Amino acid sequence: MKGKRVKYINIFWVALTVVIAICTVVVSISTLGDMLRTRRDRKIVEANIQMLEDKIKSDSIFIHKITTSPEFMEQYARETYHMQRKGETVYIME
């Protein structure tokens, strides 16, 4: 009787070890997938940050030019908003 009991106890521990190993593998694969997705998303965010920093630089240069140079402001207004002086004829070519 003790032999059967010991056999069942050994089978229980082997089965428990297999279940724990399977759970560990499943959790590890899930965690690895999350890590890869996070790494991909981080690269996308870093690229967006770089693009936005470049845009900030160019906008800062534009703001500086338009606030310090009346000639640049006039040129920008004429080109962008098709503004003109009195008595002046403007031809728009596209």
C-alpha atoms as a PDB file:
ATOM      1  CA  MET A   1       0.000   0.000   0.000  1.00  0.00           C
ATOM      2  CA  LYS A   2       2.845   2.350   0.831  1.00  0.00           C
ATOM      3  CA  GLY A   3       4.404   1.632  -2.568  1.00  0.00           C
ATOM      4  CA  LYS A   4       1.269   2.770  -4.382  1.00  0.00           C
ATOM      5  CA  ARG A   5       1.009   5.867  -2.216  1.00  0.00           C
ATOM      6  CA  VAL A   6       4.620   6.824  -2.892  1.00  0.00           C
ATOM      7  CA  LYS A   7       4.034   6.230  -6.611  1.00  0.00           C
ATOM      8  CA  TYR A   8       0.988   8.566  -6.625  1.00  0.00           C
ATOM      9  CA  ILE A   9       2.892  11.222  -4.666  1.00  0.00           C
ATOM     10  CA  ASN A  10       5.758  11.061  -7.199  1.00  0.00           C
ATOM     11  CA  ILE A  11       3.302  11.343 -10.101  1.00  0.00           C
ATOM     12  CA  PHE A  12       1.667  14.337  -8.386  1.00  0.00           C
ATOM     13  CA  TRP A  13       4.981  16.169  -8.028  1.00  0.00           C
ATOM     14  CA  VAL A  14       5.992  15.409 -11.609  1.00  0.00           C
ATOM     15  CA  ALA A  15       2.622  16.623 -12.887  1.00  0.00           C
ATOM     16  CA  LEU A  16       2.830  19.753 -10.723  1.00  0.00           C
ATOM     17  CA  THR A  17       6.336  20.462 -12.033  1.00  0.00           C
ATOM     18  CA  VAL A  18       5.155  20.073 -15.646  1.00  0.00           C
ATOM     19  CA  VAL A  19       2.201  22.427 -15.055  1.00  0.00           C
ATOM     20  CA  ILE A  20       4.467  25.049 -13.457  1.00  0.00           C
ATOM     21  CA  ALA A  21       6.956  24.713 -16.325  1.00  0.00           C
ATOM     22  CA  ILE A  22       4.198  25.177 -18.920  1.00  0.00           C
ATOM     23  CA  CYS A  23       2.844  28.239 -17.081  1.00  0.00           C
ATOM     24  CA  THR A  24       6.350  29.678 -16.895  1.00  0.00           C
ATOM     25  CA  VAL A  25       6.867  29.219 -20.645  1.00  0.00           C
ATOM     26  CA  VAL A  26       3.488  30.810 -21.467  1.00  0.00           C
ATOM     27  CA  VAL A  27       4.174  33.823 -19.244  1.00  0.00           C
ATOM     28  CA  SER A  28       7.696  34.179 -20.657  1.00  0.00           C
ATOM     29  CA  ILE A  29       6.441  34.153 -24.252  1.00  0.00           C
ATOM     30  CA  SER A  30       3.775  36.710 -23.385  1.00  0.00           C
ATOM     31  CA  THR A  31       6.336  38.939 -21.674  1.00  0.00           C
ATOM     32  CA  LEU A  32       8.712  38.620 -24.625  1.00  0.00           C
ATOM     33  CA  GLY A  33       5.930  39.701 -27.002  1.00  0.00           C
ATOM     34  CA  ASP A  34       5.158  42.716 -24.810  1.00  0.00           C
ATOM     35  CA  MET A  35       8.838  43.629 -24.726  1.00  0.00           C
ATOM     36  CA  LEU A  36       9.132  43.485 -28.523  1.00  0.00           C
ATOM     37  CA  ARG A  37       5.982  45.592 -28.998  1.00  0.00           C
ATOM     38  CA  THR A  38       7.250  48.131 -26.476  1.00  0.00           C
ATOM     39  CA  ARG A  39      10.621  48.328 -28.230  1.00  0.00           C
ATOM     40  CA  ARG A  40       8.894  48.897 -31.605  1.00  0.00           C
ATOM     41  CA  ASP A  41       6.618  51.574 -30.133  1.00  0.00           C
ATOM     42  CA  ARG A  42       9.611  53.272 -28.507  1.00  0.00           C
ATOM     43  CA  LYS A  43      11.402  53.545 -31.852  1.00  0.00           C
ATOM     44  CA  ILE A  44       8.289  55.106 -33.390  1.00  0.00           C
ATOM     45  CA  VAL A  45       7.985  57.605 -30.529  1.00  0.00           C
ATOM     46  CA  GLU A  46      11.678  58.509 -30.725  1.00  0.00           C
ATOM     47  CA  ALA A  47      11.334  59.154 -34.472  1.00  0.00           C
ATOM     48  CA  ASN A  48       8.307  61.373 -33.795  1.00  0.00           C
ATOM     49  CA  ILE A  49      10.234  63.266 -31.116  1.00  0.00           C
ATOM     50  CA  GLN A  50      13.096  63.914 -33.535  1.00  0.00           C
ATOM     51  CA  MET A  51      10.682  65.084 -36.249  1.00  0.00           C
ATOM     52  CA  LEU A  52       8.929  67.441 -33.820  1.00  0.00           C
ATOM     53  CA  GLU A  53      12.232  68.830 -32.518  1.00  0.00           C
ATOM     54  CA  ASP A  54      13.258  69.590 -36.115  1.00  0.00           C
ATOM     55  CA  LYS A  55       9.889  71.265 -36.708  1.00  0.00           C
ATOM     56  CA  ILE A  56      10.359  73.366 -33.557  1.00  0.00           C
ATOM     57  CA  LYS A  57      13.776  74.516 -34.811  1.00  0.00           C
ATOM     58  CA  SER A  58      12.449  75.513 -38.213  1.00  0.00           C
ATOM     59  CA  ASP A  59       9.426  77.263 -36.688  1.00  0.00           C
ATOM     60  CA  SER A  60      11.686  79.140 -34.261  1.00  0.00           C
ATOM     61  CA  ILE A  61      13.831  80.347 -37.147  1.00  0.00           C
ATOM     62  CA  PHE A  62      10.703  81.407 -39.046  1.00  0.00           C
ATOM     63  CA  ILE A  63       9.312  83.280 -36.012  1.00  0.00           C
ATOM     64  CA  HIS A  64      12.632  85.046 -35.509  1.00  0.00           C
ATOM     65  CA  LYS A  65      12.775  86.084 -39.177  1.00  0.00           C
ATOM     66  CA  ILE A  66       9.186  87.290 -39.335  1.00  0.00           C
ATOM     67  CA  THR A  67       9.453  89.320 -36.113  1.00  0.00           C
ATOM     68  CA  THR A  68      12.814  90.927 -36.872  1.00  0.00           C
ATOM     69  CA  SER A  69      12.662  91.519 -40.631  1.00  0.00           C
ATOM     70  CA  PRO A  70       9.866  93.686 -42.063  1.00  0.00           C
ATOM     71  CA  GLU A  71      10.988  92.759 -45.582  1.00  0.00           C
ATOM     72  CA  PHE A  72      10.578  89.062 -44.842  1.00  0.00           C
ATOM     73  CA  MET A  73       7.166  89.670 -43.261  1.00  0.00           C
ATOM     74  CA  GLU A  74       6.023  91.595 -46.339  1.00  0.00           C
ATOM     75  CA  GLN A  75       7.329  88.922 -48.696  1.00  0.00           C
ATOM     76  CA  TYR A  76       5.641  86.177 -46.680  1.00  0.00           C
ATOM     77  CA  ALA A  77       2.310  88.057 -46.571  1.00  0.00           C
ATOM     78  CA  ARG A  78       2.403  88.709 -50.312  1.00  0.00           C
ATOM     79  CA  GLU A  79       3.223  85.099 -51.207  1.00  0.00           C
ATOM     80  CA  THR A  80       0.953  83.395 -48.704  1.00  0.00           C
ATOM     81  CA  TYR A  81      -2.077  85.669 -48.564  1.00  0.00           C
ATOM     82  CA  HIS A  82      -1.780  87.277 -52.033  1.00  0.00           C
ATOM     83  CA  MET A  83      -1.625  90.753 -50.492  1.00  0.00           C
ATOM     84  CA  GLN A  84      -0.830  93.822 -52.556  1.00  0.00           C
ATOM     85  CA  ARG A  85      -0.266  97.536 -52.194  1.00  0.00           C
ATOM     86  CA  LYS A  86      -2.735 100.154 -53.468  1.00  0.00           C
ATOM     87  CA  GLY A  87      -2.450 100.632 -57.188  1.00  0.00           C
ATOM     88  CA  GLU A  88      -0.450  97.439 -57.627  1.00  0.00           C
ATOM     89  CA  THR A  89      -1.596  94.602 -59.857  1.00  0.00           C
ATOM     90  CA  VAL A  90      -0.749  91.054 -58.803  1.00  0.00           C
ATOM     91  CA  TYR A  91      -0.814  88.129 -61.191  1.00  0.00           C
ATOM     92  CA  ILE A  92      -1.055  84.692 -59.604  1.00  0.00           C
ATOM     93  CA  MET A  93       0.521  81.895 -61.604  1.00  0.00           C
ATOM     94  CA  GLU A  94       0.054  78.320 -60.606  1.00  0.00           C
END
